[in-house]
Amino acid sequence: MEIDLRDLKPRHAHDLLTSSIIPRPIAWVSTINAKGAPNLAPFSFFTGVSWYPPVLAFSAVNREDGSKKDTVINIEETKEFVINLVSKDLLHPMECSAGPIPFGEDITFIKGITLAPSKTIRPSRICEARVSFECVLDRIVSVSEGANAGNLIIGRVLSMYAQDEIVKDEREIDWQGLDALGRLSGNRYCTIQSIIESETH
């Protein structure tokens, strides 16, 4: 079947893409605005860009009314953000953070998480996250305009936090200990159930 995505409604194209590009790691991004108020939101269009310098990227699409999400606005203002990785035990608080925060409340209403000071930047990391990356903005690449347009946020990693028990020889993160969630389509997620080790590497 040949499918011309240009002929589809945005949500239809979204469903085809997100059910094909799987599994996707989740960037659980903590930011602050210019006044210091915290924000937390998950994004599953997320990847590494380079390892020296260490650079990560995630994309945040605009809302249906064409406005930018708070995460993008905050990063534009402060140039800093933390990418927290999501393990299986953090599924519920991560999903809670995906919806609009009730008026008059901040992210402290999300049960199961606590904020911890970052080492090098102002936004806090999530204490329960097993790995967190403290990033400064390198650039934002705008992809189109209006509703559903993408904002590719590229950040340089200044510091990385990892729980002691999942670091192997100060060189590698134990994938079993990380127990990372992968995003599939809809409300579906996955964990790493098995691995294949190539003999040709």
N, C-alpha and C. Protein backbone atom coordinates (compact mmCIF):
# COMPACT_ATOMS: atom_id res chain seq x y z
N MET A 1 0.85 -1.20 0.00
CA MET A 1 0.00 0.00 0.00
C MET A 1 0.88 1.24 0.00
N GLU A 2 0.65 2.14 -0.91
CA GLU A 2 1.34 3.42 -0.96
C GLU A 2 0.44 4.48 -0.33
N ILE A 3 0.96 5.21 0.64
CA ILE A 3 0.15 6.20 1.36
C ILE A 3 0.81 7.56 1.21
N ASP A 4 0.10 8.50 0.65
CA ASP A 4 0.61 9.87 0.51
C ASP A 4 0.18 10.66 1.75
N LEU A 5 1.13 10.88 2.65
CA LEU A 5 0.80 11.55 3.91
C LEU A 5 0.31 12.97 3.71
N ARG A 6 0.63 13.57 2.59
CA ARG A 6 0.21 14.94 2.32
C ARG A 6 -1.30 15.05 2.14
N ASP A 7 -1.94 13.94 1.80
CA ASP A 7 -3.38 13.94 1.56
C ASP A 7 -4.20 13.64 2.82
N LEU A 8 -3.51 13.36 3.92
CA LEU A 8 -4.21 12.92 5.12
C LEU A 8 -4.44 14.07 6.10
N LYS A 9 -5.44 13.89 6.94
CA LYS A 9 -5.63 14.82 8.06
C LYS A 9 -4.48 14.62 9.04
N PRO A 10 -4.11 15.69 9.79
CA PRO A 10 -2.94 15.60 10.69
C PRO A 10 -2.98 14.41 11.63
N ARG A 11 -4.13 14.13 12.23
CA ARG A 11 -4.18 13.03 13.21
C ARG A 11 -3.97 11.68 12.54
N HIS A 12 -4.45 11.55 11.30
CA HIS A 12 -4.26 10.30 10.57
C HIS A 12 -2.77 10.07 10.28
N ALA A 13 -2.08 11.13 9.85
CA ALA A 13 -0.64 11.03 9.62
C ALA A 13 0.09 10.72 10.92
N HIS A 14 -0.34 11.37 12.00
CA HIS A 14 0.25 11.12 13.33
C HIS A 14 0.16 9.64 13.68
N ASP A 15 -1.01 9.06 13.49
CA ASP A 15 -1.22 7.66 13.89
C ASP A 15 -0.34 6.71 13.08
N LEU A 16 -0.18 6.99 11.80
CA LEU A 16 0.67 6.14 10.97
C LEU A 16 2.14 6.25 11.38
N LEU A 17 2.59 7.47 11.65
CA LEU A 17 3.98 7.67 12.04
C LEU A 17 4.28 7.04 13.39
N THR A 18 3.43 7.32 14.38
CA THR A 18 3.74 6.88 15.75
C THR A 18 3.54 5.38 15.93
N SER A 19 2.80 4.74 15.05
CA SER A 19 2.67 3.29 15.14
C SER A 19 3.74 2.58 14.31
N SER A 20 4.51 3.35 13.53
CA SER A 20 5.60 2.78 12.75
C SER A 20 6.95 2.99 13.40
N ILE A 21 7.17 4.18 13.97
CA ILE A 21 8.46 4.51 14.58
C ILE A 21 8.42 4.04 16.03
N ILE A 22 8.71 2.77 16.23
CA ILE A 22 8.60 2.18 17.57
C ILE A 22 9.78 1.25 17.85
N PRO A 23 10.11 1.06 19.13
CA PRO A 23 9.65 1.87 20.27
C PRO A 23 10.42 3.18 20.32
N ARG A 24 9.83 4.19 20.94
CA ARG A 24 10.48 5.49 21.07
C ARG A 24 10.80 5.76 22.53
N PRO A 25 12.01 6.18 22.84
CA PRO A 25 12.31 6.58 24.22
C PRO A 25 11.53 7.85 24.56
N ILE A 26 11.36 8.09 25.84
CA ILE A 26 10.56 9.23 26.29
C ILE A 26 11.46 10.23 27.00
N ALA A 27 11.45 11.45 26.51
CA ALA A 27 12.13 12.56 27.18
C ALA A 27 11.12 13.23 28.10
N TRP A 28 11.34 13.11 29.39
CA TRP A 28 10.45 13.74 30.39
C TRP A 28 11.15 15.04 30.78
N VAL A 29 10.69 16.14 30.21
CA VAL A 29 11.44 17.39 30.22
C VAL A 29 10.96 18.32 31.32
N SER A 30 11.88 18.69 32.19
CA SER A 30 11.57 19.67 33.24
C SER A 30 12.21 21.00 32.89
N THR A 31 11.41 22.06 33.02
CA THR A 31 11.85 23.41 32.71
C THR A 31 11.33 24.36 33.78
N ILE A 32 11.78 25.60 33.70
CA ILE A 32 11.18 26.68 34.49
C ILE A 32 10.94 27.85 33.55
N ASN A 33 9.98 28.71 33.92
CA ASN A 33 9.77 29.91 33.12
C ASN A 33 10.63 31.04 33.67
N ALA A 34 10.48 32.21 33.09
CA ALA A 34 11.32 33.34 33.48
C ALA A 34 11.12 33.73 34.94
N LYS A 35 9.96 33.40 35.51
CA LYS A 35 9.68 33.71 36.91
C LYS A 35 10.08 32.58 37.86
N GLY A 36 10.58 31.49 37.30
CA GLY A 36 11.03 30.37 38.13
C GLY A 36 10.01 29.31 38.40
N ALA A 37 8.81 29.39 37.80
CA ALA A 37 7.78 28.37 38.02
C ALA A 37 8.11 27.12 37.22
N PRO A 38 8.03 25.94 37.84
CA PRO A 38 8.43 24.71 37.15
C PRO A 38 7.36 24.15 36.23
N ASN A 39 7.81 23.39 35.24
CA ASN A 39 6.91 22.70 34.31
C ASN A 39 7.54 21.35 33.99
N LEU A 40 6.69 20.37 33.72
CA LEU A 40 7.16 19.02 33.42
C LEU A 40 6.26 18.41 32.37
N ALA A 41 6.83 17.87 31.29
CA ALA A 41 6.02 17.27 30.23
C ALA A 41 6.84 16.22 29.48
N PRO A 42 6.17 15.14 29.01
CA PRO A 42 6.86 14.08 28.27
C PRO A 42 6.77 14.27 26.76
N PHE A 43 7.84 13.85 26.07
CA PHE A 43 7.89 13.92 24.61
C PHE A 43 8.56 12.65 24.09
N SER A 44 7.91 11.99 23.12
CA SER A 44 8.47 10.72 22.65
C SER A 44 9.11 10.80 21.27
N PHE A 45 9.21 12.00 20.70
CA PHE A 45 10.09 12.18 19.55
C PHE A 45 11.41 12.69 20.11
N PHE A 46 12.28 11.76 20.46
CA PHE A 46 13.46 12.05 21.27
C PHE A 46 14.61 11.15 20.85
N THR A 47 15.81 11.73 20.74
CA THR A 47 16.97 10.93 20.34
C THR A 47 18.27 11.61 20.71
N GLY A 48 19.36 10.89 20.57
CA GLY A 48 20.68 11.47 20.67
C GLY A 48 21.11 12.05 19.33
N VAL A 49 21.97 13.06 19.37
CA VAL A 49 22.46 13.70 18.15
C VAL A 49 23.95 13.44 17.97
N SER A 50 24.74 13.65 19.01
CA SER A 50 26.17 13.36 18.97
C SER A 50 26.63 13.04 20.38
N TRP A 51 27.80 12.37 20.48
CA TRP A 51 28.30 12.04 21.82
C TRP A 51 29.49 12.88 22.24
N TYR A 52 30.12 13.61 21.31
CA TYR A 52 31.20 14.51 21.72
C TYR A 52 31.25 15.69 20.76
N PRO A 53 30.64 16.83 21.12
CA PRO A 53 30.02 17.05 22.41
C PRO A 53 28.72 16.26 22.55
N PRO A 54 28.34 15.91 23.79
CA PRO A 54 27.09 15.18 23.99
C PRO A 54 25.89 16.10 23.73
N VAL A 55 25.07 15.72 22.77
CA VAL A 55 23.93 16.54 22.36
C VAL A 55 22.70 15.64 22.21
N LEU A 56 21.58 16.10 22.74
CA LEU A 56 20.30 15.41 22.65
C LEU A 56 19.30 16.30 21.94
N ALA A 57 18.23 15.70 21.41
CA ALA A 57 17.19 16.48 20.75
C ALA A 57 15.83 15.84 21.00
N PHE A 58 14.83 16.68 21.14
CA PHE A 58 13.44 16.21 21.18
C PHE A 58 12.58 17.21 20.45
N SER A 59 11.41 16.77 20.02
CA SER A 59 10.51 17.64 19.28
C SER A 59 9.21 17.81 20.05
N ALA A 60 8.75 19.07 20.13
CA ALA A 60 7.48 19.40 20.76
C ALA A 60 6.60 20.07 19.72
N VAL A 61 5.48 19.43 19.38
CA VAL A 61 4.60 20.01 18.37
C VAL A 61 3.69 21.06 18.98
N ASN A 62 3.27 22.00 18.15
CA ASN A 62 2.36 23.05 18.61
C ASN A 62 0.99 22.47 18.96
N ARG A 63 0.25 23.22 19.77
CA ARG A 63 -1.12 22.84 20.10
C ARG A 63 -2.03 23.00 18.88
N GLU A 64 -3.25 22.51 19.00
CA GLU A 64 -4.20 22.58 17.89
C GLU A 64 -4.52 24.02 17.49
N ASP A 65 -4.42 24.96 18.44
CA ASP A 65 -4.68 26.36 18.10
C ASP A 65 -3.45 27.06 17.53
N GLY A 66 -2.36 26.30 17.35
CA GLY A 66 -1.16 26.86 16.77
C GLY A 66 -0.17 27.44 17.76
N SER A 67 -0.54 27.49 19.03
CA SER A 67 0.35 28.06 20.05
C SER A 67 1.41 27.05 20.46
N LYS A 68 2.53 27.57 20.95
CA LYS A 68 3.61 26.71 21.44
C LYS A 68 3.29 26.18 22.82
N LYS A 69 3.80 25.00 23.13
CA LYS A 69 3.61 24.43 24.46
C LYS A 69 4.52 25.15 25.46
N ASP A 70 4.15 25.04 26.73
CA ASP A 70 4.90 25.73 27.79
C ASP A 70 6.37 25.33 27.80
N THR A 71 6.65 24.07 27.52
CA THR A 71 8.05 23.61 27.50
C THR A 71 8.87 24.42 26.52
N VAL A 72 8.34 24.63 25.33
CA VAL A 72 9.07 25.38 24.30
C VAL A 72 9.25 26.83 24.72
N ILE A 73 8.20 27.43 25.23
CA ILE A 73 8.27 28.83 25.67
C ILE A 73 9.30 28.99 26.79
N ASN A 74 9.28 28.07 27.75
CA ASN A 74 10.22 28.14 28.86
C ASN A 74 11.67 28.03 28.38
N ILE A 75 11.92 27.11 27.45
CA ILE A 75 13.29 26.93 26.95
C ILE A 75 13.72 28.15 26.15
N GLU A 76 12.81 28.73 25.41
CA GLU A 76 13.14 29.98 24.70
C GLU A 76 13.54 31.07 25.69
N GLU A 77 12.87 31.12 26.83
CA GLU A 77 13.14 32.17 27.82
C GLU A 77 14.42 31.92 28.61
N THR A 78 14.63 30.69 29.05
CA THR A 78 15.72 30.43 30.01
C THR A 78 16.92 29.71 29.41
N LYS A 79 16.73 29.06 28.23
CA LYS A 79 17.81 28.35 27.54
C LYS A 79 18.31 27.12 28.29
N GLU A 80 17.52 26.59 29.21
CA GLU A 80 17.94 25.44 30.01
C GLU A 80 16.80 24.44 30.15
N PHE A 81 17.14 23.15 30.30
CA PHE A 81 16.13 22.13 30.53
C PHE A 81 16.80 20.84 30.98
N VAL A 82 16.04 20.00 31.64
CA VAL A 82 16.50 18.67 32.06
C VAL A 82 15.68 17.62 31.33
N ILE A 83 16.37 16.64 30.75
CA ILE A 83 15.68 15.48 30.18
C ILE A 83 15.83 14.34 31.16
N ASN A 84 14.70 13.92 31.74
CA ASN A 84 14.65 12.79 32.66
C ASN A 84 14.15 11.57 31.89
N LEU A 85 14.79 10.42 32.10
CA LEU A 85 14.33 9.20 31.45
C LEU A 85 13.24 8.54 32.29
N VAL A 86 12.33 7.86 31.60
CA VAL A 86 11.15 7.30 32.26
C VAL A 86 11.29 5.78 32.37
N SER A 87 11.34 5.29 33.60
CA SER A 87 11.34 3.85 33.85
C SER A 87 9.90 3.38 34.08
N LYS A 88 9.73 2.08 34.08
CA LYS A 88 8.39 1.50 34.15
C LYS A 88 7.61 1.99 35.37
N ASP A 89 8.27 2.14 36.50
CA ASP A 89 7.57 2.54 37.72
C ASP A 89 7.09 3.99 37.69
N LEU A 90 7.54 4.77 36.69
CA LEU A 90 7.14 6.17 36.60
C LEU A 90 6.07 6.41 35.54
N LEU A 91 5.47 5.33 35.03
CA LEU A 91 4.46 5.47 33.99
C LEU A 91 3.31 6.38 34.44
N HIS A 92 2.74 6.13 35.61
CA HIS A 92 1.57 6.91 36.02
C HIS A 92 1.88 8.39 36.22
N PRO A 93 2.91 8.76 36.98
CA PRO A 93 3.19 10.20 37.09
C PRO A 93 3.57 10.83 35.76
N MET A 94 4.25 10.08 34.89
CA MET A 94 4.58 10.64 33.58
C MET A 94 3.32 10.96 32.80
N GLU A 95 2.35 10.02 32.81
CA GLU A 95 1.10 10.27 32.10
C GLU A 95 0.33 11.44 32.71
N CYS A 96 0.38 11.57 34.02
CA CYS A 96 -0.30 12.70 34.68
C CYS A 96 0.28 14.03 34.21
N SER A 97 1.59 14.05 33.97
CA SER A 97 2.24 15.29 33.55
C SER A 97 1.98 15.63 32.09
N ALA A 98 1.39 14.69 31.33
CA ALA A 98 1.14 14.94 29.91
C ALA A 98 -0.06 15.83 29.68
N GLY A 99 -0.98 15.88 30.65
CA GLY A 99 -2.17 16.70 30.49
C GLY A 99 -1.94 18.11 30.97
N PRO A 100 -2.90 19.00 30.68
CA PRO A 100 -2.79 20.38 31.15
C PRO A 100 -2.76 20.43 32.68
N ILE A 101 -1.87 21.25 33.23
CA ILE A 101 -1.82 21.41 34.67
C ILE A 101 -3.00 22.24 35.12
N PRO A 102 -3.74 21.81 36.15
CA PRO A 102 -4.90 22.58 36.60
C PRO A 102 -4.51 24.02 36.94
N PHE A 103 -5.42 24.92 36.64
CA PHE A 103 -5.17 26.33 36.89
C PHE A 103 -4.86 26.57 38.36
N GLY A 104 -3.80 27.32 38.62
CA GLY A 104 -3.44 27.65 40.00
C GLY A 104 -2.58 26.62 40.68
N GLU A 105 -2.23 25.54 39.98
CA GLU A 105 -1.39 24.51 40.58
C GLU A 105 -0.11 24.37 39.77
N ASP A 106 0.95 23.87 40.44
CA ASP A 106 2.17 23.58 39.70
C ASP A 106 2.38 22.07 39.69
N ILE A 107 3.55 21.63 39.28
CA ILE A 107 3.73 20.18 39.09
C ILE A 107 3.77 19.39 40.39
N THR A 108 3.74 20.07 41.53
CA THR A 108 3.73 19.34 42.79
C THR A 108 2.44 18.56 43.00
N PHE A 109 1.41 18.81 42.17
CA PHE A 109 0.18 18.03 42.31
C PHE A 109 0.36 16.62 41.75
N ILE A 110 1.42 16.37 41.01
CA ILE A 110 1.66 15.05 40.44
C ILE A 110 2.20 14.13 41.52
N LYS A 111 1.47 13.10 41.83
CA LYS A 111 1.87 12.17 42.90
C LYS A 111 2.98 11.24 42.41
N GLY A 112 3.93 10.94 43.29
CA GLY A 112 4.95 9.97 42.98
C GLY A 112 6.25 10.56 42.49
N ILE A 113 6.36 11.89 42.47
CA ILE A 113 7.63 12.50 42.07
C ILE A 113 8.01 13.60 43.05
N THR A 114 9.30 13.82 43.15
CA THR A 114 9.83 14.94 43.92
C THR A 114 10.91 15.62 43.08
N LEU A 115 11.07 16.91 43.29
CA LEU A 115 12.08 17.66 42.56
C LEU A 115 13.38 17.67 43.33
N ALA A 116 14.48 17.57 42.59
CA ALA A 116 15.81 17.63 43.20
C ALA A 116 16.62 18.70 42.46
N PRO A 117 17.47 19.44 43.16
CA PRO A 117 18.26 20.48 42.49
C PRO A 117 19.19 19.88 41.44
N SER A 118 19.28 20.55 40.31
CA SER A 118 20.27 20.17 39.31
C SER A 118 21.64 20.70 39.73
N LYS A 119 22.68 20.14 39.14
CA LYS A 119 24.04 20.53 39.49
C LYS A 119 24.50 21.78 38.76
N THR A 120 24.09 21.93 37.49
CA THR A 120 24.67 22.98 36.66
C THR A 120 23.67 24.00 36.12
N ILE A 121 22.37 23.71 36.21
CA ILE A 121 21.37 24.60 35.65
C ILE A 121 20.24 24.81 36.65
N ARG A 122 19.34 25.74 36.33
CA ARG A 122 18.28 26.12 37.27
C ARG A 122 17.09 25.15 37.32
N PRO A 123 16.61 24.61 36.20
CA PRO A 123 15.49 23.66 36.30
C PRO A 123 15.88 22.43 37.12
N SER A 124 14.93 21.94 37.90
CA SER A 124 15.18 20.76 38.74
C SER A 124 15.09 19.48 37.92
N ARG A 125 15.74 18.44 38.40
CA ARG A 125 15.55 17.12 37.84
C ARG A 125 14.50 16.39 38.68
N ILE A 126 14.01 15.28 38.16
CA ILE A 126 13.07 14.43 38.89
C ILE A 126 13.88 13.44 39.72
N CYS A 127 13.72 13.49 41.02
CA CYS A 127 14.53 12.67 41.92
C CYS A 127 14.36 11.18 41.63
N GLU A 128 13.16 10.76 41.25
CA GLU A 128 12.89 9.34 41.03
C GLU A 128 13.38 8.84 39.68
N ALA A 129 13.73 9.72 38.77
CA ALA A 129 14.25 9.30 37.47
C ALA A 129 15.64 8.68 37.66
N ARG A 130 15.87 7.55 37.04
CA ARG A 130 17.13 6.84 37.23
C ARG A 130 18.28 7.47 36.43
N VAL A 131 17.94 8.20 35.38
CA VAL A 131 18.93 8.94 34.61
C VAL A 131 18.34 10.30 34.24
N SER A 132 19.13 11.36 34.37
CA SER A 132 18.70 12.70 33.97
C SER A 132 19.87 13.40 33.30
N PHE A 133 19.56 14.23 32.31
CA PHE A 133 20.57 15.00 31.58
C PHE A 133 20.28 16.49 31.73
N GLU A 134 21.24 17.23 32.24
CA GLU A 134 21.10 18.68 32.37
C GLU A 134 21.61 19.33 31.09
N CYS A 135 20.75 20.08 30.43
CA CYS A 135 21.04 20.58 29.09
C CYS A 135 20.92 22.10 29.00
N VAL A 136 21.74 22.68 28.14
CA VAL A 136 21.57 24.08 27.75
C VAL A 136 21.20 24.09 26.27
N LEU A 137 20.40 25.05 25.89
CA LEU A 137 19.89 25.12 24.53
C LEU A 137 21.02 25.39 23.53
N ASP A 138 21.07 24.58 22.49
CA ASP A 138 21.95 24.84 21.36
C ASP A 138 21.18 25.63 20.30
N ARG A 139 20.03 25.11 19.92
CA ARG A 139 19.17 25.81 18.96
C ARG A 139 17.79 25.17 18.93
N ILE A 140 16.84 25.91 18.40
CA ILE A 140 15.50 25.39 18.13
C ILE A 140 15.26 25.50 16.64
N VAL A 141 14.90 24.40 16.02
CA VAL A 141 14.61 24.38 14.59
C VAL A 141 13.09 24.28 14.43
N SER A 142 12.49 25.32 13.88
CA SER A 142 11.05 25.33 13.65
C SER A 142 10.75 24.62 12.34
N VAL A 143 9.82 23.68 12.40
CA VAL A 143 9.40 22.93 11.23
C VAL A 143 7.96 23.31 10.93
N SER A 144 7.78 24.19 9.96
CA SER A 144 6.47 24.72 9.58
C SER A 144 5.95 25.67 10.67
N GLU A 145 4.68 26.06 10.56
CA GLU A 145 4.06 26.98 11.49
C GLU A 145 2.63 26.54 11.75
N GLY A 146 2.06 27.05 12.84
CA GLY A 146 0.66 26.77 13.14
C GLY A 146 0.45 25.46 13.85
N ALA A 147 -0.79 24.96 13.77
CA ALA A 147 -1.18 23.75 14.48
C ALA A 147 -0.33 22.56 14.05
N ASN A 148 0.13 21.80 15.03
CA ASN A 148 0.87 20.55 14.82
C ASN A 148 2.27 20.74 14.24
N ALA A 149 2.71 21.99 14.06
CA ALA A 149 4.06 22.23 13.57
C ALA A 149 5.07 21.80 14.63
N GLY A 150 6.24 21.37 14.18
CA GLY A 150 7.24 20.86 15.11
C GLY A 150 8.24 21.91 15.54
N ASN A 151 8.73 21.76 16.75
CA ASN A 151 9.83 22.57 17.28
C ASN A 151 10.90 21.60 17.75
N LEU A 152 11.94 21.45 16.93
CA LEU A 152 13.02 20.53 17.27
C LEU A 152 13.99 21.25 18.20
N ILE A 153 14.07 20.79 19.43
CA ILE A 153 14.90 21.43 20.45
C ILE A 153 16.17 20.62 20.63
N ILE A 154 17.30 21.26 20.38
CA ILE A 154 18.60 20.61 20.44
C ILE A 154 19.37 21.17 21.63
N GLY A 155 19.83 20.30 22.51
CA GLY A 155 20.49 20.75 23.73
C GLY A 155 21.82 20.06 23.96
N ARG A 156 22.78 20.83 24.46
CA ARG A 156 24.08 20.27 24.84
C ARG A 156 24.01 19.81 26.30
N VAL A 157 24.47 18.61 26.55
CA VAL A 157 24.42 18.05 27.90
C VAL A 157 25.63 18.55 28.69
N LEU A 158 25.35 19.24 29.79
CA LEU A 158 26.43 19.71 30.67
C LEU A 158 26.78 18.66 31.72
N SER A 159 25.75 17.99 32.23
CA SER A 159 25.97 17.03 33.31
C SER A 159 24.92 15.94 33.23
N MET A 160 25.31 14.76 33.63
CA MET A 160 24.41 13.61 33.62
C MET A 160 24.33 13.03 35.03
N TYR A 161 23.10 12.76 35.48
CA TYR A 161 22.90 12.09 36.75
C TYR A 161 22.43 10.66 36.49
N ALA A 162 22.99 9.69 37.20
CA ALA A 162 22.54 8.30 37.12
C ALA A 162 22.59 7.69 38.51
N GLN A 163 21.59 6.92 38.86
CA GLN A 163 21.60 6.24 40.14
C GLN A 163 22.78 5.29 40.21
N ASP A 164 23.45 5.27 41.36
CA ASP A 164 24.69 4.51 41.51
C ASP A 164 24.55 3.05 41.09
N GLU A 165 23.43 2.43 41.46
CA GLU A 165 23.30 0.99 41.26
C GLU A 165 23.12 0.58 39.81
N ILE A 166 22.86 1.52 38.90
CA ILE A 166 22.70 1.13 37.50
C ILE A 166 23.90 1.51 36.64
N VAL A 167 24.96 2.05 37.26
CA VAL A 167 26.16 2.42 36.51
C VAL A 167 27.17 1.27 36.61
N LYS A 168 27.60 0.77 35.46
CA LYS A 168 28.54 -0.35 35.40
C LYS A 168 29.92 0.16 35.05
N ASP A 169 30.87 0.00 35.96
CA ASP A 169 32.28 0.38 35.73
C ASP A 169 32.44 1.84 35.33
N GLU A 170 31.51 2.68 35.79
CA GLU A 170 31.53 4.12 35.48
C GLU A 170 31.54 4.40 33.98
N ARG A 171 31.04 3.45 33.19
CA ARG A 171 31.14 3.57 31.74
C ARG A 171 29.84 3.27 31.01
N GLU A 172 28.98 2.51 31.63
CA GLU A 172 27.78 2.03 30.93
C GLU A 172 26.61 1.99 31.90
N ILE A 173 25.41 2.29 31.37
CA ILE A 173 24.19 2.18 32.16
C ILE A 173 23.60 0.78 31.95
N ASP A 174 23.29 0.12 33.04
CA ASP A 174 22.70 -1.22 32.98
C ASP A 174 21.27 -1.12 32.45
N TRP A 175 21.01 -1.70 31.29
CA TRP A 175 19.69 -1.56 30.67
C TRP A 175 18.59 -2.21 31.51
N GLN A 176 18.93 -3.29 32.22
CA GLN A 176 17.93 -3.93 33.07
C GLN A 176 17.60 -3.05 34.27
N GLY A 177 18.62 -2.42 34.84
CA GLY A 177 18.39 -1.54 35.98
C GLY A 177 17.65 -0.28 35.59
N LEU A 178 17.90 0.20 34.39
CA LEU A 178 17.20 1.40 33.92
C LEU A 178 15.72 1.13 33.72
N ASP A 179 15.39 -0.05 33.22
CA ASP A 179 13.99 -0.48 33.05
C ASP A 179 13.18 0.59 32.30
N ALA A 180 13.74 1.06 31.19
CA ALA A 180 13.14 2.19 30.47
C ALA A 180 11.85 1.79 29.76
N LEU A 181 10.92 2.74 29.72
CA LEU A 181 9.70 2.57 28.94
C LEU A 181 9.95 3.01 27.51
N GLY A 182 9.34 2.31 26.57
CA GLY A 182 9.32 2.74 25.18
C GLY A 182 7.89 3.08 24.81
N ARG A 183 7.72 4.13 24.02
CA ARG A 183 6.38 4.53 23.60
C ARG A 183 6.03 3.82 22.31
N LEU A 184 4.83 3.27 22.26
CA LEU A 184 4.29 2.70 21.04
C LEU A 184 3.23 3.67 20.52
N SER A 185 2.12 3.20 20.04
CA SER A 185 1.06 4.08 19.57
C SER A 185 -0.08 4.11 20.58
N GLY A 186 -0.90 5.15 20.50
CA GLY A 186 -2.04 5.26 21.41
C GLY A 186 -1.59 5.30 22.85
N ASN A 187 -2.21 4.48 23.69
CA ASN A 187 -1.85 4.43 25.11
C ASN A 187 -0.98 3.21 25.42
N ARG A 188 -0.24 2.74 24.44
CA ARG A 188 0.56 1.54 24.60
C ARG A 188 2.04 1.88 24.80
N TYR A 189 2.67 1.11 25.69
CA TYR A 189 4.09 1.25 25.99
C TYR A 189 4.72 -0.13 26.00
N CYS A 190 6.04 -0.16 26.05
CA CYS A 190 6.72 -1.45 26.15
C CYS A 190 7.95 -1.29 27.04
N THR A 191 8.44 -2.43 27.50
CA THR A 191 9.72 -2.48 28.20
C THR A 191 10.63 -3.43 27.44
N ILE A 192 11.91 -3.43 27.80
CA ILE A 192 12.86 -4.32 27.13
C ILE A 192 12.72 -5.71 27.76
N GLN A 193 12.20 -6.64 26.97
CA GLN A 193 11.97 -8.00 27.46
C GLN A 193 13.14 -8.93 27.14
N SER A 194 13.82 -8.68 26.05
CA SER A 194 14.93 -9.53 25.66
C SER A 194 15.88 -8.72 24.79
N ILE A 195 17.10 -9.20 24.66
CA ILE A 195 18.07 -8.53 23.80
C ILE A 195 18.69 -9.54 22.85
N ILE A 196 19.19 -9.03 21.75
CA ILE A 196 19.91 -9.86 20.77
C ILE A 196 21.33 -9.31 20.71
N GLU A 197 22.30 -10.12 21.02
CA GLU A 197 23.69 -9.69 20.96
C GLU A 197 24.32 -10.19 19.67
N SER A 198 24.75 -9.25 18.84
CA SER A 198 25.35 -9.61 17.57
C SER A 198 26.76 -10.14 17.77
N GLU A 199 27.11 -11.18 17.03
CA GLU A 199 28.46 -11.75 17.11
C GLU A 199 29.42 -11.07 16.15
N THR A 200 28.91 -10.14 15.33
CA THR A 200 29.74 -9.50 14.32
C THR A 200 30.30 -8.16 14.78
N HIS A 201 29.88 -7.67 15.96
CA HIS A 201 30.33 -6.36 16.44
C HIS A 201 31.75 -6.42 16.99
